[in-house]
C-alpha cells in the first residue's frame, strides 16, 4: 500500500510543481526511466513467480539506473553518446519485453 501511495503523491507533486530537468541531466533521464522500468517489470515477474525480495529489487533498481547513466556518460565523453544511449535502450527494452512475456505467460497461461 505504501508504494501505491508514494506513486500517487509523486504524480500529484509532479503535476502541481511542474519540475524542470537541468539541461546537463536531460540526456540521462530517458535512460534512467527505461532502466527503472526494467527493474519494475523484473520485480513484477518475481512477485508472480513467488521469489520477490525487496532488498534485491532496491539494489536492482538503483544499480540499473546508475550503470545505464554511467554507460551513457562514458559514451558522451568518447563522443558516441547517442550510440551508447541507443544501445542501452535496446538492451533494457529487450529485458523489459522478456519480463512482460514471462508475466503474460504466467497470467494467461499462454
N, C-alpha and C. Protein backbone atom coordinates (compact mmCIF):
# COMPACT_ATOMS: atom_id res chain seq x y z
N UNK A 1 0.82 -1.19 0.00
CA UNK A 1 0.00 0.00 0.00
C UNK A 1 0.87 1.27 0.00
N UNK A 2 1.98 1.21 0.70
CA UNK A 2 2.87 2.37 0.76
C UNK A 2 3.41 2.74 -0.62
N UNK A 3 3.85 1.77 -1.46
CA UNK A 3 4.32 2.16 -2.79
C UNK A 3 3.24 2.82 -3.64
N UNK A 4 2.00 2.35 -3.52
CA UNK A 4 0.91 2.95 -4.29
C UNK A 4 0.66 4.39 -3.84
N UNK A 5 0.68 4.61 -2.53
CA UNK A 5 0.50 5.97 -2.00
C UNK A 5 1.65 6.86 -2.46
N UNK A 6 2.88 6.34 -2.42
CA UNK A 6 4.04 7.10 -2.88
C UNK A 6 3.93 7.46 -4.35
N UNK A 7 3.44 6.53 -5.16
CA UNK A 7 3.27 6.80 -6.59
C UNK A 7 2.25 7.90 -6.81
N UNK A 8 1.13 7.82 -6.11
CA UNK A 8 0.08 8.83 -6.26
C UNK A 8 0.58 10.21 -5.80
N UNK A 9 1.26 10.24 -4.65
CA UNK A 9 1.80 11.51 -4.15
C UNK A 9 2.83 12.07 -5.14
N UNK A 10 3.69 11.22 -5.68
CA UNK A 10 4.70 11.67 -6.64
C UNK A 10 4.08 12.23 -7.91
N UNK A 11 3.04 11.57 -8.41
CA UNK A 11 2.37 12.06 -9.62
C UNK A 11 1.70 13.41 -9.34
N UNK A 12 1.03 13.51 -8.20
CA UNK A 12 0.37 14.77 -7.85
C UNK A 12 1.38 15.90 -7.69
N UNK A 13 2.50 15.63 -7.01
CA UNK A 13 3.53 16.65 -6.85
C UNK A 13 4.10 17.09 -8.21
N UNK A 14 4.29 16.12 -9.09
CA UNK A 14 4.80 16.45 -10.42
C UNK A 14 3.84 17.32 -11.21
N UNK A 15 2.54 17.03 -11.08
CA UNK A 15 1.54 17.83 -11.79
C UNK A 15 1.41 19.23 -11.19
N UNK A 16 1.56 19.34 -9.89
CA UNK A 16 1.40 20.63 -9.23
C UNK A 16 2.65 21.49 -9.38
N UNK A 17 3.83 20.91 -9.15
CA UNK A 17 5.07 21.69 -9.12
C UNK A 17 5.72 21.91 -10.48
N UNK A 18 5.38 21.09 -11.48
CA UNK A 18 5.98 21.19 -12.81
C UNK A 18 7.51 21.28 -12.74
N UNK A 19 8.18 20.25 -12.24
CA UNK A 19 9.63 20.33 -12.10
C UNK A 19 10.32 20.41 -13.47
N UNK A 20 11.45 21.08 -13.49
CA UNK A 20 12.23 21.17 -14.72
C UNK A 20 13.52 20.36 -14.53
N UNK A 21 13.93 19.75 -15.59
CA UNK A 21 15.15 18.94 -15.57
C UNK A 21 16.29 19.81 -16.09
N UNK A 22 17.40 19.91 -15.35
CA UNK A 22 18.53 20.71 -15.84
C UNK A 22 19.02 20.20 -17.19
N UNK A 23 19.52 21.10 -17.99
CA UNK A 23 19.95 20.77 -19.35
C UNK A 23 21.00 19.67 -19.37
N UNK A 24 21.93 19.69 -18.43
CA UNK A 24 23.00 18.68 -18.41
C UNK A 24 22.48 17.29 -18.05
N UNK A 25 21.31 17.23 -17.41
CA UNK A 25 20.75 15.95 -16.97
C UNK A 25 19.77 15.35 -17.98
N UNK A 26 19.33 16.14 -18.93
CA UNK A 26 18.31 15.69 -19.88
C UNK A 26 18.69 14.46 -20.69
N UNK A 27 19.93 14.28 -21.13
CA UNK A 27 20.22 13.05 -21.89
C UNK A 27 20.14 11.78 -21.05
N UNK A 28 20.25 11.92 -19.75
CA UNK A 28 20.28 10.75 -18.87
C UNK A 28 18.90 10.35 -18.36
N UNK A 29 17.94 11.26 -18.38
CA UNK A 29 16.62 10.98 -17.82
C UNK A 29 15.89 9.86 -18.55
N UNK A 30 15.81 9.86 -19.88
CA UNK A 30 15.12 8.74 -20.55
C UNK A 30 15.78 7.40 -20.28
N UNK A 31 17.10 7.39 -20.21
CA UNK A 31 17.82 6.15 -19.93
C UNK A 31 17.50 5.67 -18.52
N UNK A 32 17.46 6.59 -17.57
CA UNK A 32 17.15 6.24 -16.19
C UNK A 32 15.73 5.70 -16.08
N UNK A 33 14.79 6.28 -16.82
CA UNK A 33 13.41 5.81 -16.78
C UNK A 33 13.30 4.39 -17.35
N UNK A 34 13.97 4.13 -18.46
CA UNK A 34 13.93 2.79 -19.05
C UNK A 34 14.60 1.77 -18.12
N UNK A 35 15.70 2.15 -17.49
CA UNK A 35 16.37 1.26 -16.55
C UNK A 35 15.48 0.98 -15.34
N UNK A 36 14.78 2.00 -14.86
CA UNK A 36 13.87 1.81 -13.74
C UNK A 36 12.70 0.91 -14.14
N UNK A 37 12.17 1.10 -15.34
CA UNK A 37 11.08 0.23 -15.81
C UNK A 37 11.53 -1.23 -15.90
N UNK A 38 12.77 -1.44 -16.31
CA UNK A 38 13.30 -2.80 -16.36
C UNK A 38 13.27 -3.43 -14.97
N UNK A 39 13.69 -2.68 -13.97
CA UNK A 39 13.68 -3.20 -12.60
C UNK A 39 12.26 -3.46 -12.11
N UNK A 40 11.33 -2.58 -12.46
CA UNK A 40 9.94 -2.75 -12.01
C UNK A 40 9.31 -3.98 -12.65
N UNK A 41 9.50 -4.16 -13.95
CA UNK A 41 8.93 -5.34 -14.60
C UNK A 41 9.60 -6.63 -14.11
N UNK A 42 10.89 -6.55 -13.81
CA UNK A 42 11.56 -7.71 -13.22
C UNK A 42 11.00 -8.03 -11.85
N UNK A 43 10.68 -7.01 -11.07
CA UNK A 43 10.08 -7.22 -9.75
C UNK A 43 8.69 -7.82 -9.87
N UNK A 44 7.91 -7.33 -10.82
CA UNK A 44 6.57 -7.88 -11.01
C UNK A 44 6.64 -9.35 -11.41
N UNK A 45 7.58 -9.65 -12.26
CA UNK A 45 7.77 -11.06 -12.66
C UNK A 45 8.15 -11.92 -11.46
N UNK A 46 9.04 -11.43 -10.62
CA UNK A 46 9.46 -12.22 -9.46
C UNK A 46 8.33 -12.35 -8.44
N UNK A 47 7.46 -11.34 -8.34
CA UNK A 47 6.29 -11.46 -7.45
C UNK A 47 5.40 -12.59 -7.94
N UNK A 48 5.16 -12.63 -9.24
CA UNK A 48 4.30 -13.68 -9.78
C UNK A 48 4.94 -15.06 -9.67
N UNK A 49 6.27 -15.11 -9.71
CA UNK A 49 6.97 -16.38 -9.55
C UNK A 49 7.13 -16.76 -8.09
N UNK A 50 6.77 -15.84 -7.18
CA UNK A 50 6.85 -16.12 -5.75
C UNK A 50 8.25 -16.03 -5.17
N UNK A 51 9.14 -15.29 -5.83
CA UNK A 51 10.52 -15.19 -5.35
C UNK A 51 10.95 -13.74 -5.13
N UNK A 52 9.97 -12.83 -4.96
CA UNK A 52 10.30 -11.41 -4.81
C UNK A 52 11.04 -11.17 -3.50
N UNK A 53 12.06 -10.32 -3.59
CA UNK A 53 12.82 -9.90 -2.43
C UNK A 53 13.00 -8.39 -2.54
N UNK A 54 12.49 -7.66 -1.56
CA UNK A 54 12.54 -6.20 -1.66
C UNK A 54 13.96 -5.65 -1.68
N UNK A 55 14.85 -6.31 -1.01
CA UNK A 55 16.26 -5.87 -1.00
C UNK A 55 16.88 -6.01 -2.40
N UNK A 56 16.60 -7.12 -3.04
CA UNK A 56 17.11 -7.33 -4.40
C UNK A 56 16.49 -6.30 -5.35
N UNK A 57 15.20 -6.00 -5.16
CA UNK A 57 14.55 -5.01 -6.01
C UNK A 57 15.21 -3.64 -5.90
N UNK A 58 15.44 -3.20 -4.69
CA UNK A 58 16.04 -1.87 -4.49
C UNK A 58 17.44 -1.83 -5.09
N UNK A 59 18.22 -2.87 -4.85
CA UNK A 59 19.58 -2.92 -5.41
C UNK A 59 19.53 -2.96 -6.93
N UNK A 60 18.63 -3.75 -7.49
CA UNK A 60 18.49 -3.85 -8.94
C UNK A 60 18.06 -2.50 -9.52
N UNK A 61 17.09 -1.87 -8.89
CA UNK A 61 16.59 -0.58 -9.35
C UNK A 61 17.71 0.45 -9.40
N UNK A 62 18.41 0.61 -8.30
CA UNK A 62 19.48 1.60 -8.22
C UNK A 62 20.65 1.27 -9.14
N UNK A 63 21.05 0.01 -9.16
CA UNK A 63 22.20 -0.35 -9.98
C UNK A 63 21.87 -0.23 -11.47
N UNK A 64 20.65 -0.58 -11.88
CA UNK A 64 20.27 -0.40 -13.30
C UNK A 64 20.38 1.06 -13.70
N UNK A 65 19.85 1.94 -12.88
CA UNK A 65 19.86 3.37 -13.20
C UNK A 65 21.29 3.90 -13.24
N UNK A 66 22.09 3.54 -12.24
CA UNK A 66 23.47 4.04 -12.18
C UNK A 66 24.32 3.50 -13.33
N UNK A 67 24.24 2.21 -13.58
CA UNK A 67 25.04 1.62 -14.67
C UNK A 67 24.63 2.19 -16.02
N UNK A 68 23.34 2.33 -16.26
CA UNK A 68 22.89 2.91 -17.53
C UNK A 68 23.39 4.34 -17.67
N UNK A 69 23.31 5.13 -16.61
CA UNK A 69 23.78 6.52 -16.66
C UNK A 69 25.29 6.58 -16.88
N UNK A 70 26.04 5.70 -16.25
CA UNK A 70 27.49 5.68 -16.43
C UNK A 70 27.86 5.32 -17.86
N UNK A 71 27.16 4.35 -18.43
CA UNK A 71 27.45 3.96 -19.82
C UNK A 71 27.18 5.13 -20.76
N UNK A 72 26.06 5.81 -20.57
CA UNK A 72 25.75 6.96 -21.43
C UNK A 72 26.76 8.08 -21.19
N UNK A 73 27.16 8.32 -19.94
CA UNK A 73 28.16 9.35 -19.64
C UNK A 73 29.48 9.03 -20.35
N UNK A 74 29.91 7.79 -20.25
CA UNK A 74 31.15 7.40 -20.93
C UNK A 74 31.03 7.57 -22.43
N UNK A 75 29.86 7.23 -22.98
CA UNK A 75 29.63 7.44 -24.40
C UNK A 75 29.72 8.91 -24.77
N UNK A 76 29.18 9.77 -23.92
CA UNK A 76 29.28 11.22 -24.17
C UNK A 76 30.73 11.68 -24.14
N UNK A 77 31.50 11.16 -23.20
CA UNK A 77 32.90 11.54 -23.09
C UNK A 77 33.71 11.06 -24.29
N UNK A 78 33.31 9.93 -24.87
CA UNK A 78 34.00 9.39 -26.04
C UNK A 78 33.47 9.96 -27.35
N UNK A 79 32.40 10.73 -27.27
CA UNK A 79 31.82 11.32 -28.48
C UNK A 79 30.84 10.42 -29.19
N UNK A 80 30.41 9.36 -28.54
CA UNK A 80 29.44 8.44 -29.15
C UNK A 80 28.23 8.27 -28.23
N UNK A 81 27.82 9.37 -27.61
CA UNK A 81 26.75 9.34 -26.62
C UNK A 81 25.44 8.81 -27.16
N UNK A 82 25.06 9.24 -28.37
CA UNK A 82 23.77 8.80 -28.90
C UNK A 82 23.78 7.31 -29.23
N UNK A 83 24.92 6.80 -29.71
CA UNK A 83 25.00 5.37 -29.99
C UNK A 83 24.94 4.55 -28.71
N UNK A 84 25.61 5.04 -27.66
CA UNK A 84 25.57 4.33 -26.39
C UNK A 84 24.17 4.37 -25.79
N UNK A 85 23.50 5.51 -25.91
CA UNK A 85 22.13 5.62 -25.42
C UNK A 85 21.23 4.64 -26.14
N UNK A 86 21.39 4.55 -27.44
CA UNK A 86 20.59 3.60 -28.23
C UNK A 86 20.87 2.17 -27.80
N UNK A 87 22.12 1.85 -27.59
CA UNK A 87 22.48 0.50 -27.14
C UNK A 87 21.88 0.16 -25.79
N UNK A 88 21.94 1.09 -24.87
CA UNK A 88 21.38 0.86 -23.53
C UNK A 88 19.87 0.67 -23.63
N UNK A 89 19.20 1.52 -24.41
CA UNK A 89 17.75 1.41 -24.55
C UNK A 89 17.37 0.08 -25.20
N UNK A 90 18.11 -0.35 -26.20
CA UNK A 90 17.81 -1.62 -26.87
C UNK A 90 17.95 -2.79 -25.90
N UNK A 91 19.05 -2.83 -25.16
CA UNK A 91 19.28 -3.94 -24.23
C UNK A 91 18.22 -3.96 -23.13
N UNK A 92 17.95 -2.81 -22.54
CA UNK A 92 16.96 -2.76 -21.48
C UNK A 92 15.56 -3.06 -22.01
N UNK A 93 15.26 -2.60 -23.21
CA UNK A 93 13.96 -2.89 -23.81
C UNK A 93 13.79 -4.38 -24.06
N UNK A 94 14.85 -5.04 -24.48
CA UNK A 94 14.78 -6.50 -24.67
C UNK A 94 14.47 -7.19 -23.35
N UNK A 95 15.09 -6.72 -22.27
CA UNK A 95 14.83 -7.31 -20.95
C UNK A 95 13.39 -7.04 -20.51
N UNK A 96 12.91 -5.83 -20.78
CA UNK A 96 11.53 -5.50 -20.43
C UNK A 96 10.57 -6.40 -21.18
N UNK A 97 10.77 -6.57 -22.48
CA UNK A 97 9.89 -7.43 -23.27
C UNK A 97 9.97 -8.88 -22.81
N UNK A 98 11.13 -9.34 -22.42
CA UNK A 98 11.25 -10.71 -21.90
C UNK A 98 10.47 -10.86 -20.59
N UNK A 99 10.57 -9.87 -19.72
CA UNK A 99 9.81 -9.91 -18.47
C UNK A 99 8.31 -9.83 -18.72
N UNK A 100 7.90 -8.97 -19.65
CA UNK A 100 6.47 -8.87 -19.97
C UNK A 100 5.96 -10.18 -20.56
N UNK A 101 6.76 -10.83 -21.38
CA UNK A 101 6.36 -12.12 -21.94
C UNK A 101 6.20 -13.16 -20.83
N UNK A 102 7.11 -13.17 -19.88
CA UNK A 102 7.00 -14.11 -18.76
C UNK A 102 5.78 -13.80 -17.90
N UNK A 103 5.50 -12.52 -17.69
CA UNK A 103 4.31 -12.12 -16.93
C UNK A 103 3.05 -12.56 -17.66
N UNK A 104 3.02 -12.34 -18.97
CA UNK A 104 1.88 -12.76 -19.78
C UNK A 104 1.68 -14.26 -19.71
N UNK A 105 2.76 -15.01 -19.84
CA UNK A 105 2.65 -16.48 -19.75
C UNK A 105 2.13 -16.90 -18.39
N UNK A 106 2.57 -16.22 -17.36
CA UNK A 106 2.14 -16.58 -16.01
C UNK A 106 0.66 -16.25 -15.79
N UNK A 107 0.24 -15.07 -16.23
CA UNK A 107 -1.14 -14.64 -16.01
C UNK A 107 -2.14 -15.33 -16.91
N UNK A 108 -1.78 -15.48 -18.17
CA UNK A 108 -2.71 -16.03 -19.15
C UNK A 108 -2.47 -17.51 -19.45
N UNK A 109 -1.43 -18.07 -18.87
CA UNK A 109 -1.06 -19.47 -19.12
C UNK A 109 -0.90 -19.71 -20.63
N UNK A 110 -0.35 -18.70 -21.31
CA UNK A 110 -0.17 -18.82 -22.76
C UNK A 110 1.25 -18.47 -23.14
